[in-house]
Amino acid sequence: MDCLFCAIIKGDIPSTKVYEDEYAYAFRDINPAAPTHVLVVPKTHIASIDAVSEENADTVAHVLAAIPKIAAAEGLVNGYRVVSNVGEDGCQSVKHLHFHILGGTKLSEKMA
């Protein structure tokens, strides 16, 4: 498998880590769309939300539970946005489930 995020998790590609536990890895986006832009990924390869199943739902739940901890550590006390792109039309650029935490400023109400 040739997955950018799997390589980042393994340490083969450098990243600016902000959080890590047994199931989740979080790092700063290299092309931030907001003052705070962190990607949160499961350490197990899951292609996208479309690939979430009963077998991996516990891992995904753990990753989701890490998001408020990461947001708090990043100082996002006034709110933030969580986004996960799925598939071509959803502009998913890396085929590994990931959640964008965006914040640090008042975000636009428009999503597109």
PDB file of N, CA and C in Angstrom:
ATOM      1  N   MET A   1       0.849  -1.171   0.000  1.00  0.00           N
ATOM      2  CA  MET A   1       0.000   0.000   0.000  1.00  0.00           C
ATOM      3  C   MET A   1       0.900   1.243   0.000  1.00  0.00           C
ATOM      4  N   ASP A   2       0.544   2.210  -0.801  1.00  0.00           N
ATOM      5  CA  ASP A   2       1.313   3.442  -0.914  1.00  0.00           C
ATOM      6  C   ASP A   2       0.447   4.593  -0.411  1.00  0.00           C
ATOM      7  N   CYS A   3       0.421   4.787   0.913  1.00  0.00           N
ATOM      8  CA  CYS A   3      -0.466   5.782   1.513  1.00  0.00           C
ATOM      9  C   CYS A   3       0.365   6.845   2.221  1.00  0.00           C
ATOM     10  N   LEU A   4       0.168   8.091   1.838  1.00  0.00           N
ATOM     11  CA  LEU A   4       0.892   9.210   2.434  1.00  0.00           C
ATOM     12  C   LEU A   4       0.733   9.250   3.947  1.00  0.00           C
ATOM     13  N   PHE A   5      -0.501   9.122   4.444  1.00  0.00           N
ATOM     14  CA  PHE A   5      -0.725   9.232   5.887  1.00  0.00           C
ATOM     15  C   PHE A   5      -0.163   8.032   6.641  1.00  0.00           C
ATOM     16  N   CYS A   6      -0.193   6.846   6.051  1.00  0.00           N
ATOM     17  CA  CYS A   6       0.439   5.683   6.694  1.00  0.00           C
ATOM     18  C   CYS A   6       1.945   5.929   6.828  1.00  0.00           C
ATOM     19  N   ALA A   7       2.555   6.534   5.818  1.00  0.00           N
ATOM     20  CA  ALA A   7       3.989   6.839   5.869  1.00  0.00           C
ATOM     21  C   ALA A   7       4.275   7.899   6.934  1.00  0.00           C
ATOM     22  N   ILE A   8       3.404   8.877   7.075  1.00  0.00           N
ATOM     23  CA  ILE A   8       3.568   9.892   8.117  1.00  0.00           C
ATOM     24  C   ILE A   8       3.457   9.251   9.495  1.00  0.00           C
ATOM     25  N   ILE A   9       2.455   8.401   9.690  1.00  0.00           N
ATOM     26  CA  ILE A   9       2.263   7.721  10.977  1.00  0.00           C
ATOM     27  C   ILE A   9       3.492   6.891  11.334  1.00  0.00           C
ATOM     28  N   LYS A  10       4.066   6.198  10.352  1.00  0.00           N
ATOM     29  CA  LYS A  10       5.255   5.364  10.591  1.00  0.00           C
ATOM     30  C   LYS A  10       6.517   6.191  10.819  1.00  0.00           C
ATOM     31  N   GLY A  11       6.458   7.484  10.489  1.00  0.00           N
ATOM     32  CA  GLY A  11       7.631   8.338  10.636  1.00  0.00           C
ATOM     33  C   GLY A  11       8.522   8.369   9.413  1.00  0.00           C
ATOM     34  N   ASP A  12       8.085   7.753   8.323  1.00  0.00           N
ATOM     35  CA  ASP A  12       8.863   7.754   7.085  1.00  0.00           C
ATOM     36  C   ASP A  12       8.842   9.126   6.410  1.00  0.00           C
ATOM     37  N   ILE A  13       7.794   9.893   6.649  1.00  0.00           N
ATOM     38  CA  ILE A  13       7.663  11.257   6.139  1.00  0.00           C
ATOM     39  C   ILE A  13       7.488  12.155   7.359  1.00  0.00           C
ATOM     40  N   PRO A  14       8.268  13.234   7.446  1.00  0.00           N
ATOM     41  CA  PRO A  14       8.163  14.093   8.634  1.00  0.00           C
ATOM     42  C   PRO A  14       6.831  14.828   8.708  1.00  0.00           C
ATOM     43  N   SER A  15       6.413  15.087   9.943  1.00  0.00           N
ATOM     44  CA  SER A  15       5.203  15.876  10.189  1.00  0.00           C
ATOM     45  C   SER A  15       5.399  16.623  11.501  1.00  0.00           C
ATOM     46  N   THR A  16       4.544  17.602  11.714  1.00  0.00           N
ATOM     47  CA  THR A  16       4.557  18.322  12.984  1.00  0.00           C
ATOM     48  C   THR A  16       3.447  17.736  13.843  1.00  0.00           C
ATOM     49  N   LYS A  17       3.822  16.763  14.672  1.00  0.00           N
ATOM     50  CA  LYS A  17       2.858  16.044  15.502  1.00  0.00           C
ATOM     51  C   LYS A  17       2.329  16.958  16.597  1.00  0.00           C
ATOM     52  N   VAL A  18       0.997  16.887  16.806  1.00  0.00           N
ATOM     53  CA  VAL A  18       0.389  17.614  17.924  1.00  0.00           C
ATOM     54  C   VAL A  18      -0.270  16.672  18.925  1.00  0.00           C
ATOM     55  N   TYR A  19      -0.487  15.415  18.524  1.00  0.00           N
ATOM     56  CA  TYR A  19      -1.142  14.445  19.411  1.00  0.00           C
ATOM     57  C   TYR A  19      -0.880  13.045  18.880  1.00  0.00           C
ATOM     58  N   GLU A  20      -0.746  12.106  19.820  1.00  0.00           N
ATOM     59  CA  GLU A  20      -0.633  10.705  19.427  1.00  0.00           C
ATOM     60  C   GLU A  20      -1.052   9.834  20.596  1.00  0.00           C
ATOM     61  N   ASP A  21      -1.788   8.783  20.291  1.00  0.00           N
ATOM     62  CA  ASP A  21      -2.097   7.744  21.265  1.00  0.00           C
ATOM     63  C   ASP A  21      -2.094   6.415  20.517  1.00  0.00           C
ATOM     64  N   GLU A  22      -2.611   5.382  21.134  1.00  0.00           N
ATOM     65  CA  GLU A  22      -2.567   4.052  20.535  1.00  0.00           C
ATOM     66  C   GLU A  22      -3.323   3.961  19.205  1.00  0.00           C
ATOM     67  N   TYR A  23      -4.391   4.776  19.050  1.00  0.00           N
ATOM     68  CA  TYR A  23      -5.266   4.647  17.888  1.00  0.00           C
ATOM     69  C   TYR A  23      -5.234   5.837  16.935  1.00  0.00           C
ATOM     70  N   ALA A  24      -4.799   6.994  17.415  1.00  0.00           N
ATOM     71  CA  ALA A  24      -4.904   8.226  16.631  1.00  0.00           C
ATOM     72  C   ALA A  24      -3.561   8.939  16.536  1.00  0.00           C
ATOM     73  N   TYR A  25      -3.399   9.671  15.433  1.00  0.00           N
ATOM     74  CA  TYR A  25      -2.227  10.508  15.220  1.00  0.00           C
ATOM     75  C   TYR A  25      -2.740  11.820  14.652  1.00  0.00           C
ATOM     76  N   ALA A  26      -2.250  12.942  15.182  1.00  0.00           N
ATOM     77  CA  ALA A  26      -2.678  14.259  14.706  1.00  0.00           C
ATOM     78  C   ALA A  26      -1.450  15.103  14.404  1.00  0.00           C
ATOM     79  N   PHE A  27      -1.532  15.843  13.305  1.00  0.00           N
ATOM     80  CA  PHE A  27      -0.413  16.664  12.865  1.00  0.00           C
ATOM     81  C   PHE A  27      -0.918  17.890  12.114  1.00  0.00           C
ATOM     82  N   ARG A  28      -0.066  18.903  12.030  1.00  0.00           N
ATOM     83  CA  ARG A  28      -0.440  20.145  11.354  1.00  0.00           C
ATOM     84  C   ARG A  28      -0.494  19.945   9.839  1.00  0.00           C
ATOM     85  N   ASP A  29      -1.520  20.531   9.228  1.00  0.00           N
ATOM     86  CA  ASP A  29      -1.656  20.492   7.773  1.00  0.00           C
ATOM     87  C   ASP A  29      -0.565  21.371   7.162  1.00  0.00           C
ATOM     88  N   ILE A  30       0.071  20.914   6.087  1.00  0.00           N
ATOM     89  CA  ILE A  30       1.139  21.699   5.470  1.00  0.00           C
ATOM     90  C   ILE A  30       0.599  22.848   4.619  1.00  0.00           C
ATOM     91  N   ASN A  31      -0.685  22.819   4.291  1.00  0.00           N
ATOM     92  CA  ASN A  31      -1.340  23.913   3.559  1.00  0.00           C
ATOM     93  C   ASN A  31      -2.559  24.365   4.357  1.00  0.00           C
ATOM     94  N   PRO A  32      -2.334  25.048   5.493  1.00  0.00           N
ATOM     95  CA  PRO A  32      -3.460  25.363   6.379  1.00  0.00           C
ATOM     96  C   PRO A  32      -4.514  26.256   5.737  1.00  0.00           C
ATOM     97  N   ALA A  33      -5.787  25.915   6.000  1.00  0.00           N
ATOM     98  CA  ALA A  33      -6.932  26.684   5.520  1.00  0.00           C
ATOM     99  C   ALA A  33      -7.469  27.606   6.612  1.00  0.00           C
ATOM    100  N   ALA A  34      -6.849  27.579   7.786  1.00  0.00           N
ATOM    101  CA  ALA A  34      -7.228  28.425   8.923  1.00  0.00           C
ATOM    102  C   ALA A  34      -5.988  28.569   9.801  1.00  0.00           C
ATOM    103  N   PRO A  35      -5.982  29.533  10.728  1.00  0.00           N
ATOM    104  CA  PRO A  35      -4.814  29.676  11.602  1.00  0.00           C
ATOM    105  C   PRO A  35      -4.454  28.380  12.332  1.00  0.00           C
ATOM    106  N   THR A  36      -5.449  27.628  12.765  1.00  0.00           N
ATOM    107  CA  THR A  36      -5.214  26.288  13.304  1.00  0.00           C
ATOM    108  C   THR A  36      -5.825  25.297  12.330  1.00  0.00           C
ATOM    109  N   HIS A  37      -4.991  24.398  11.816  1.00  0.00           N
ATOM    110  CA  HIS A  37      -5.469  23.376  10.873  1.00  0.00           C
ATOM    111  C   HIS A  37      -4.698  22.095  11.174  1.00  0.00           C
ATOM    112  N   VAL A  38      -5.367  21.185  11.876  1.00  0.00           N
ATOM    113  CA  VAL A  38      -4.770  19.931  12.306  1.00  0.00           C
ATOM    114  C   VAL A  38      -5.512  18.781  11.642  1.00  0.00           C
ATOM    115  N   LEU A  39      -4.771  17.787  11.180  1.00  0.00           N
ATOM    116  CA  LEU A  39      -5.366  16.568  10.628  1.00  0.00           C
ATOM    117  C   LEU A  39      -5.292  15.483  11.687  1.00  0.00           C
ATOM    118  N   VAL A  40      -6.395  14.784  11.884  1.00  0.00           N
ATOM    119  CA  VAL A  40      -6.463  13.686  12.848  1.00  0.00           C
ATOM    120  C   VAL A  40      -6.797  12.425  12.066  1.00  0.00           C
ATOM    121  N   VAL A  41      -5.932  11.409  12.210  1.00  0.00           N
ATOM    122  CA  VAL A  41      -6.083  10.179  11.424  1.00  0.00           C
ATOM    123  C   VAL A  41      -6.037   8.961  12.333  1.00  0.00           C
ATOM    124  N   PRO A  42      -6.763   7.903  11.964  1.00  0.00           N
ATOM    125  CA  PRO A  42      -6.572   6.638  12.681  1.00  0.00           C
ATOM    126  C   PRO A  42      -5.231   6.042  12.273  1.00  0.00           C
ATOM    127  N   LYS A  43      -4.575   5.379  13.200  1.00  0.00           N
ATOM    128  CA  LYS A  43      -3.302   4.729  12.876  1.00  0.00           C
ATOM    129  C   LYS A  43      -3.507   3.514  11.978  1.00  0.00           C
ATOM    130  N   THR A  44      -4.681   2.935  12.023  1.00  0.00           N
ATOM    131  CA  THR A  44      -5.029   1.830  11.130  1.00  0.00           C
ATOM    132  C   THR A  44      -5.531   2.441   9.828  1.00  0.00           C
ATOM    133  N   HIS A  45      -5.129   1.870   8.711  1.00  0.00           N
ATOM    134  CA  HIS A  45      -5.588   2.411   7.433  1.00  0.00           C
ATOM    135  C   HIS A  45      -7.077   2.105   7.227  1.00  0.00           C
ATOM    136  N   ILE A  46      -7.850   3.160   7.109  1.00  0.00           N
ATOM    137  CA  ILE A  46      -9.269   3.100   6.741  1.00  0.00           C
ATOM    138  C   ILE A  46      -9.392   4.115   5.614  1.00  0.00           C
ATOM    139  N   ALA A  47      -9.926   3.728   4.483  1.00  0.00           N
ATOM    140  CA  ALA A  47      -9.882   4.581   3.293  1.00  0.00           C
ATOM    141  C   ALA A  47     -10.667   5.888   3.437  1.00  0.00           C
ATOM    142  N   SER A  48     -11.852   5.840   4.042  1.00  0.00           N
ATOM    143  CA  SER A  48     -12.684   7.042   4.188  1.00  0.00           C
ATOM    144  C   SER A  48     -13.867   6.701   5.092  1.00  0.00           C
ATOM    145  N   ILE A  49     -14.734   7.644   5.294  1.00  0.00           N
ATOM    146  CA  ILE A  49     -15.945   7.378   6.075  1.00  0.00           C
ATOM    147  C   ILE A  49     -16.756   6.258   5.427  1.00  0.00           C
ATOM    148  N   ASP A  50     -16.707   6.170   4.101  1.00  0.00           N
ATOM    149  CA  ASP A  50     -17.420   5.084   3.408  1.00  0.00           C
ATOM    150  C   ASP A  50     -16.906   3.705   3.810  1.00  0.00           C
ATOM    151  N   ALA A  51     -15.702   3.617   4.352  1.00  0.00           N
ATOM    152  CA  ALA A  51     -15.121   2.333   4.743  1.00  0.00           C
ATOM    153  C   ALA A  51     -15.282   2.046   6.237  1.00  0.00           C
ATOM    154  N   VAL A  52     -16.000   2.901   6.955  1.00  0.00           N
ATOM    155  CA  VAL A  52     -16.253   2.638   8.373  1.00  0.00           C
ATOM    156  C   VAL A  52     -17.231   1.476   8.467  1.00  0.00           C
ATOM    157  N   SER A  53     -16.907   0.515   9.344  1.00  0.00           N
ATOM    158  CA  SER A  53     -17.724  -0.690   9.485  1.00  0.00           C
ATOM    159  C   SER A  53     -17.832  -1.052  10.962  1.00  0.00           C
ATOM    160  N   GLU A  54     -18.601  -2.079  11.247  1.00  0.00           N
ATOM    161  CA  GLU A  54     -18.696  -2.551  12.626  1.00  0.00           C
ATOM    162  C   GLU A  54     -17.331  -2.995  13.149  1.00  0.00           C
ATOM    163  N   GLU A  55     -16.493  -3.502  12.264  1.00  0.00           N
ATOM    164  CA  GLU A  55     -15.171  -3.995  12.671  1.00  0.00           C
ATOM    165  C   GLU A  55     -14.224  -2.878  13.087  1.00  0.00           C
ATOM    166  N   ASN A  56     -14.348  -1.684  12.483  1.00  0.00           N
ATOM    167  CA  ASN A  56     -13.409  -0.606  12.809  1.00  0.00           C
ATOM    168  C   ASN A  56     -14.069   0.589  13.503  1.00  0.00           C
ATOM    169  N   ALA A  57     -15.343   0.469  13.827  1.00  0.00           N
ATOM    170  CA  ALA A  57     -16.074   1.595  14.429  1.00  0.00           C
ATOM    171  C   ALA A  57     -15.492   2.016  15.778  1.00  0.00           C
ATOM    172  N   ASP A  58     -14.968   1.082  16.557  1.00  0.00           N
ATOM    173  CA  ASP A  58     -14.360   1.443  17.841  1.00  0.00           C
ATOM    174  C   ASP A  58     -13.132   2.322  17.638  1.00  0.00           C
ATOM    175  N   THR A  59     -12.339   2.003  16.635  1.00  0.00           N
ATOM    176  CA  THR A  59     -11.164   2.828  16.330  1.00  0.00           C
ATOM    177  C   THR A  59     -11.591   4.228  15.913  1.00  0.00           C
ATOM    178  N   VAL A  60     -12.584   4.311  15.047  1.00  0.00           N
ATOM    179  CA  VAL A  60     -13.066   5.616  14.579  1.00  0.00           C
ATOM    180  C   VAL A  60     -13.649   6.410  15.745  1.00  0.00           C
ATOM    181  N   ALA A  61     -14.381   5.757  16.633  1.00  0.00           N
ATOM    182  CA  ALA A  61     -14.924   6.439  17.809  1.00  0.00           C
ATOM    183  C   ALA A  61     -13.802   6.995  18.676  1.00  0.00           C
ATOM    184  N   HIS A  62     -12.731   6.248  18.834  1.00  0.00           N
ATOM    185  CA  HIS A  62     -11.587   6.709  19.619  1.00  0.00           C
ATOM    186  C   HIS A  62     -10.954   7.944  18.966  1.00  0.00           C
ATOM    187  N   VAL A  63     -10.822   7.914  17.645  1.00  0.00           N
ATOM    188  CA  VAL A  63     -10.261   9.060  16.919  1.00  0.00           C
ATOM    189  C   VAL A  63     -11.155  10.281  17.118  1.00  0.00           C
ATOM    190  N   LEU A  64     -12.459  10.096  16.999  1.00  0.00           N
ATOM    191  CA  LEU A  64     -13.392  11.211  17.206  1.00  0.00           C
ATOM    192  C   LEU A  64     -13.319  11.743  18.630  1.00  0.00           C
ATOM    193  N   ALA A  65     -13.160  10.862  19.612  1.00  0.00           N
ATOM    194  CA  ALA A  65     -13.060  11.292  21.008  1.00  0.00           C
ATOM    195  C   ALA A  65     -11.779  12.083  21.264  1.00  0.00           C
ATOM    196  N   ALA A  66     -10.757  11.889  20.446  1.00  0.00           N
ATOM    197  CA  ALA A  66      -9.511  12.642  20.600  1.00  0.00           C
ATOM    198  C   ALA A  66      -9.652  14.080  20.107  1.00  0.00           C
ATOM    199  N   ILE A  67     -10.589  14.343  19.204  1.00  0.00           N
ATOM    200  CA  ILE A  67     -10.708  15.672  18.592  1.00  0.00           C
ATOM    201  C   ILE A  67     -10.939  16.782  19.621  1.00  0.00           C
ATOM    202  N   PRO A  68     -11.878  16.651  20.575  1.00  0.00           N
ATOM    203  CA  PRO A  68     -12.038  17.739  21.553  1.00  0.00           C
ATOM    204  C   PRO A  68     -10.788  17.952  22.417  1.00  0.00           C
ATOM    205  N   LYS A  69     -10.060  16.887  22.711  1.00  0.00           N
ATOM    206  CA  LYS A  69      -8.814  17.019  23.476  1.00  0.00           C
ATOM    207  C   LYS A  69      -7.790  17.836  22.687  1.00  0.00           C
ATOM    208  N   ILE A  70      -7.671  17.534  21.409  1.00  0.00           N
ATOM    209  CA  ILE A  70      -6.726  18.238  20.545  1.00  0.00           C
ATOM    210  C   ILE A  70      -7.145  19.696  20.406  1.00  0.00           C
ATOM    211  N   ALA A  71      -8.429  19.934  20.171  1.00  0.00           N
ATOM    212  CA  ALA A  71      -8.930  21.307  20.030  1.00  0.00           C
ATOM    213  C   ALA A  71      -8.651  22.116  21.296  1.00  0.00           C
ATOM    214  N   ALA A  72      -8.875  21.534  22.452  1.00  0.00           N
ATOM    215  CA  ALA A  72      -8.618  22.231  23.715  1.00  0.00           C
ATOM    216  C   ALA A  72      -7.123  22.529  23.862  1.00  0.00           C
ATOM    217  N   ALA A  73      -6.276  21.560  23.532  1.00  0.00           N
ATOM    218  CA  ALA A  73      -4.832  21.764  23.627  1.00  0.00           C
ATOM    219  C   ALA A  73      -4.351  22.848  22.657  1.00  0.00           C
ATOM    220  N   GLU A  74      -5.070  23.022  21.546  1.00  0.00           N
ATOM    221  CA  GLU A  74      -4.741  24.043  20.561  1.00  0.00           C
ATOM    222  C   GLU A  74      -5.333  25.406  20.932  1.00  0.00           C
ATOM    223  N   GLY A  75      -6.078  25.463  22.031  1.00  0.00           N
ATOM    224  CA  GLY A  75      -6.653  26.730  22.486  1.00  0.00           C
ATOM    225  C   GLY A  75      -7.902  27.156  21.745  1.00  0.00           C
ATOM    226  N   LEU A  76      -8.596  26.218  21.142  1.00  0.00           N
ATOM    227  CA  LEU A  76      -9.797  26.549  20.371  1.00  0.00           C
ATOM    228  C   LEU A  76     -11.016  26.604  21.301  1.00  0.00           C
ATOM    229  N   VAL A  77     -11.024  27.584  22.189  1.00  0.00           N
ATOM    230  CA  VAL A  77     -12.061  27.689  23.219  1.00  0.00           C
ATOM    231  C   VAL A  77     -13.352  28.306  22.706  1.00  0.00           C
ATOM    232  N   ASN A  78     -13.298  28.994  21.584  1.00  0.00           N
ATOM    233  CA  ASN A  78     -14.474  29.675  21.053  1.00  0.00           C
ATOM    234  C   ASN A  78     -15.155  28.900  19.931  1.00  0.00           C
ATOM    235  N   GLY A  79     -14.680  27.678  19.686  1.00  0.00           N
ATOM    236  CA  GLY A  79     -15.283  26.839  18.653  1.00  0.00           C
ATOM    237  C   GLY A  79     -14.305  26.490  17.550  1.00  0.00           C
ATOM    238  N   TYR A  80     -14.708  25.529  16.763  1.00  0.00           N
ATOM    239  CA  TYR A  80     -13.892  25.042  15.657  1.00  0.00           C
ATOM    240  C   TYR A  80     -14.783  24.228  14.731  1.00  0.00           C
ATOM    241  N   ARG A  81     -14.247  23.872  13.582  1.00  0.00           N
ATOM    242  CA  ARG A  81     -14.972  23.055  12.597  1.00  0.00           C
ATOM    243  C   ARG A  81     -14.214  21.748  12.398  1.00  0.00           C
ATOM    244  N   VAL A  82     -14.972  20.657  12.215  1.00  0.00           N
ATOM    245  CA  VAL A  82     -14.393  19.354  11.896  1.00  0.00           C
ATOM    246  C   VAL A  82     -14.957  18.936  10.542  1.00  0.00           C
ATOM    247  N   VAL A  83     -14.061  18.567   9.615  1.00  0.00           N
ATOM    248  CA  VAL A  83     -14.461  18.217   8.257  1.00  0.00           C
ATOM    249  C   VAL A  83     -13.772  16.916   7.859  1.00  0.00           C
ATOM    250  N   SER A  84     -14.508  16.057   7.169  1.00  0.00           N
ATOM    251  CA  SER A  84     -13.912  14.873   6.555  1.00  0.00           C
ATOM    252  C   SER A  84     -14.421  14.775   5.125  1.00  0.00           C
ATOM    253  N   ASN A  85     -13.529  14.866   4.173  1.00  0.00           N
ATOM    254  CA  ASN A  85     -13.895  14.770   2.762  1.00  0.00           C
ATOM    255  C   ASN A  85     -13.955  13.296   2.358  1.00  0.00           C
ATOM    256  N   VAL A  86     -14.913  12.971   1.485  1.00  0.00           N
ATOM    257  CA  VAL A  86     -15.093  11.582   1.054  1.00  0.00           C
ATOM    258  C   VAL A  86     -15.185  11.533  -0.467  1.00  0.00           C
ATOM    259  N   GLY A  87     -14.283  10.788  -1.081  1.00  0.00           N
ATOM    260  CA  GLY A  87     -14.353  10.524  -2.514  1.00  0.00           C
ATOM    261  C   GLY A  87     -13.978  11.710  -3.392  1.00  0.00           C
ATOM    262  N   GLU A  88     -14.031  11.464  -4.689  1.00  0.00           N
ATOM    263  CA  GLU A  88     -13.643  12.468  -5.689  1.00  0.00           C
ATOM    264  C   GLU A  88     -14.477  13.740  -5.586  1.00  0.00           C
ATOM    265  N   ASP A  89     -15.803  13.603  -5.588  1.00  0.00           N
ATOM    266  CA  ASP A  89     -16.654  14.792  -5.540  1.00  0.00           C
ATOM    267  C   ASP A  89     -16.545  15.527  -4.208  1.00  0.00           C
ATOM    268  N   GLY A  90     -16.140  14.821  -3.165  1.00  0.00           N
ATOM    269  CA  GLY A  90     -15.932  15.449  -1.863  1.00  0.00           C
ATOM    270  C   GLY A  90     -14.525  16.000  -1.690  1.00  0.00           C
ATOM    271  N   CYS A  91     -13.705  15.891  -2.745  1.00  0.00           N
ATOM    272  CA  CYS A  91     -12.327  16.411  -2.763  1.00  0.00           C
ATOM    273  C   CYS A  91     -11.415  15.729  -1.755  1.00  0.00           C
ATOM    274  N   GLN A  92     -11.577  14.423  -1.572  1.00  0.00           N
ATOM    275  CA  GLN A  92     -10.676  13.679  -0.697  1.00  0.00           C
ATOM    276  C   GLN A  92      -9.360  13.469  -1.440  1.00  0.00           C
ATOM    277  N   SER A  93      -8.311  14.144  -0.987  1.00  0.00           N
ATOM    278  CA  SER A  93      -7.032  14.091  -1.696  1.00  0.00           C
ATOM    279  C   SER A  93      -6.153  12.923  -1.239  1.00  0.00           C
ATOM    280  N   VAL A  94      -6.315  12.464  -0.002  1.00  0.00           N
ATOM    281  CA  VAL A  94      -5.560  11.311   0.504  1.00  0.00           C
ATOM    282  C   VAL A  94      -6.576  10.251   0.914  1.00  0.00           C
ATOM    283  N   LYS A  95      -6.445   9.073   0.356  1.00  0.00           N
ATOM    284  CA  LYS A  95      -7.415   7.999   0.597  1.00  0.00           C
ATOM    285  C   LYS A  95      -7.126   7.267   1.906  1.00  0.00           C
ATOM    286  N   HIS A  96      -7.092   8.035   2.988  1.00  0.00           N
ATOM    287  CA  HIS A  96      -6.943   7.525   4.354  1.00  0.00           C
ATOM    288  C   HIS A  96      -7.858   8.415   5.182  1.00  0.00           C
ATOM    289  N   LEU A  97      -8.781   7.829   5.906  1.00  0.00           N
ATOM    290  CA  LEU A  97      -9.735   8.591   6.708  1.00  0.00           C
ATOM    291  C   LEU A  97      -8.997   9.643   7.526  1.00  0.00           C
ATOM    292  N   HIS A  98      -9.461  10.878   7.435  1.00  0.00           N
ATOM    293  CA  HIS A  98      -8.874  11.941   8.236  1.00  0.00           C
ATOM    294  C   HIS A  98      -9.907  13.024   8.499  1.00  0.00           C
ATOM    295  N   PHE A  99      -9.716  13.665   9.629  1.00  0.00           N
ATOM    296  CA  PHE A  99     -10.592  14.746  10.051  1.00  0.00           C
ATOM    297  C   PHE A  99      -9.771  16.013  10.160  1.00  0.00           C
ATOM    298  N   HIS A 100     -10.239  17.078   9.527  1.00  0.00           N
ATOM    299  CA  HIS A 100      -9.598  18.381   9.620  1.00  0.00           C
ATOM    300  C   HIS A 100     -10.204  19.123  10.813  1.00  0.00           C
ATOM    301  N   ILE A 101      -9.361  19.599  11.719  1.00  0.00           N
ATOM    302  CA  ILE A 101      -9.801  20.518  12.772  1.00  0.00           C
ATOM    303  C   ILE A 101      -9.378  21.904  12.305  1.00  0.00           C
ATOM    304  N   LEU A 102     -10.355  22.774  12.102  1.00  0.00           N
ATOM    305  CA  LEU A 102     -10.103  24.134  11.618  1.00  0.00           C
ATOM    306  C   LEU A 102     -10.587  25.134  12.656  1.00  0.00           C
ATOM    307  N   GLY A 103      -9.758  26.105  12.966  1.00  0.00           N
ATOM    308  CA  GLY A 103     -10.161  27.114  13.945  1.00  0.00           C
ATOM    309  C   GLY A 103      -9.124  28.194  14.095  1.00  0.00           C
ATOM    310  N   GLY A 104      -9.246  28.928  15.187  1.00  0.00           N
ATOM    311  CA  GLY A 104      -8.326  30.007  15.465  1.00  0.00           C
ATOM    312  C   GLY A 104      -8.779  31.342  14.942  1.00  0.00           C
ATOM    313  N   THR A 105      -9.954  31.377  14.309  1.00  0.00           N
ATOM    314  CA  THR A 105     -10.560  32.590  13.782  1.00  0.00           C
ATOM    315  C   THR A 105     -12.039  32.312  13.573  1.00  0.00           C
ATOM    316  N   LYS A 106     -12.811  33.341  13.354  1.00  0.00           N
ATOM    317  CA  LYS A 106     -14.231  33.165  12.996  1.00  0.00           C
ATOM    318  C   LYS A 106     -14.276  32.610  11.585  1.00  0.00           C
ATOM    319  N   LEU A 107     -14.807  31.414  11.425  1.00  0.00           N
ATOM    320  CA  LEU A 107     -14.878  30.764  10.120  1.00  0.00           C
ATOM    321  C   LEU A 107     -16.103  31.228   9.353  1.00  0.00           C
ATOM    322  N   SER A 108     -16.018  31.165   8.059  1.00  0.00           N
ATOM    323  CA  SER A 108     -17.137  31.533   7.198  1.00  0.00           C
ATOM    324  C   SER A 108     -18.301  30.561   7.395  1.00  0.00           C
ATOM    325  N   GLU A 109     -19.502  31.069   7.328  1.00  0.00           N
ATOM    326  CA  GLU A 109     -20.674  30.181   7.407  1.00  0.00           C
ATOM    327  C   GLU A 109     -20.830  29.365   6.146  1.00  0.00           C
ATOM    328  N   LYS A 110     -20.262  29.832   5.029  1.00  0.00           N
ATOM    329  CA  LYS A 110     -20.305  29.086   3.774  1.00  0.00           C
ATOM    330  C   LYS A 110     -19.322  27.931   3.857  1.00  0.00           C
ATOM    331  N   MET A 111     -19.757  26.784   3.428  1.00  0.00           N
ATOM    332  CA  MET A 111     -18.896  25.599   3.448  1.00  0.00           C
ATOM    333  C   MET A 111     -18.171  25.426   2.109  1.00  0.00           C
ATOM    334  N   ALA A 112     -18.610  26.073   1.072  1.00  0.00           N
ATOM    335  CA  ALA A 112     -17.951  25.907  -0.237  1.00  0.00           C
ATOM    336  C   ALA A 112     -17.681  27.241  -0.864  1.00  0.00           C
TER     337      ALA A 112
END
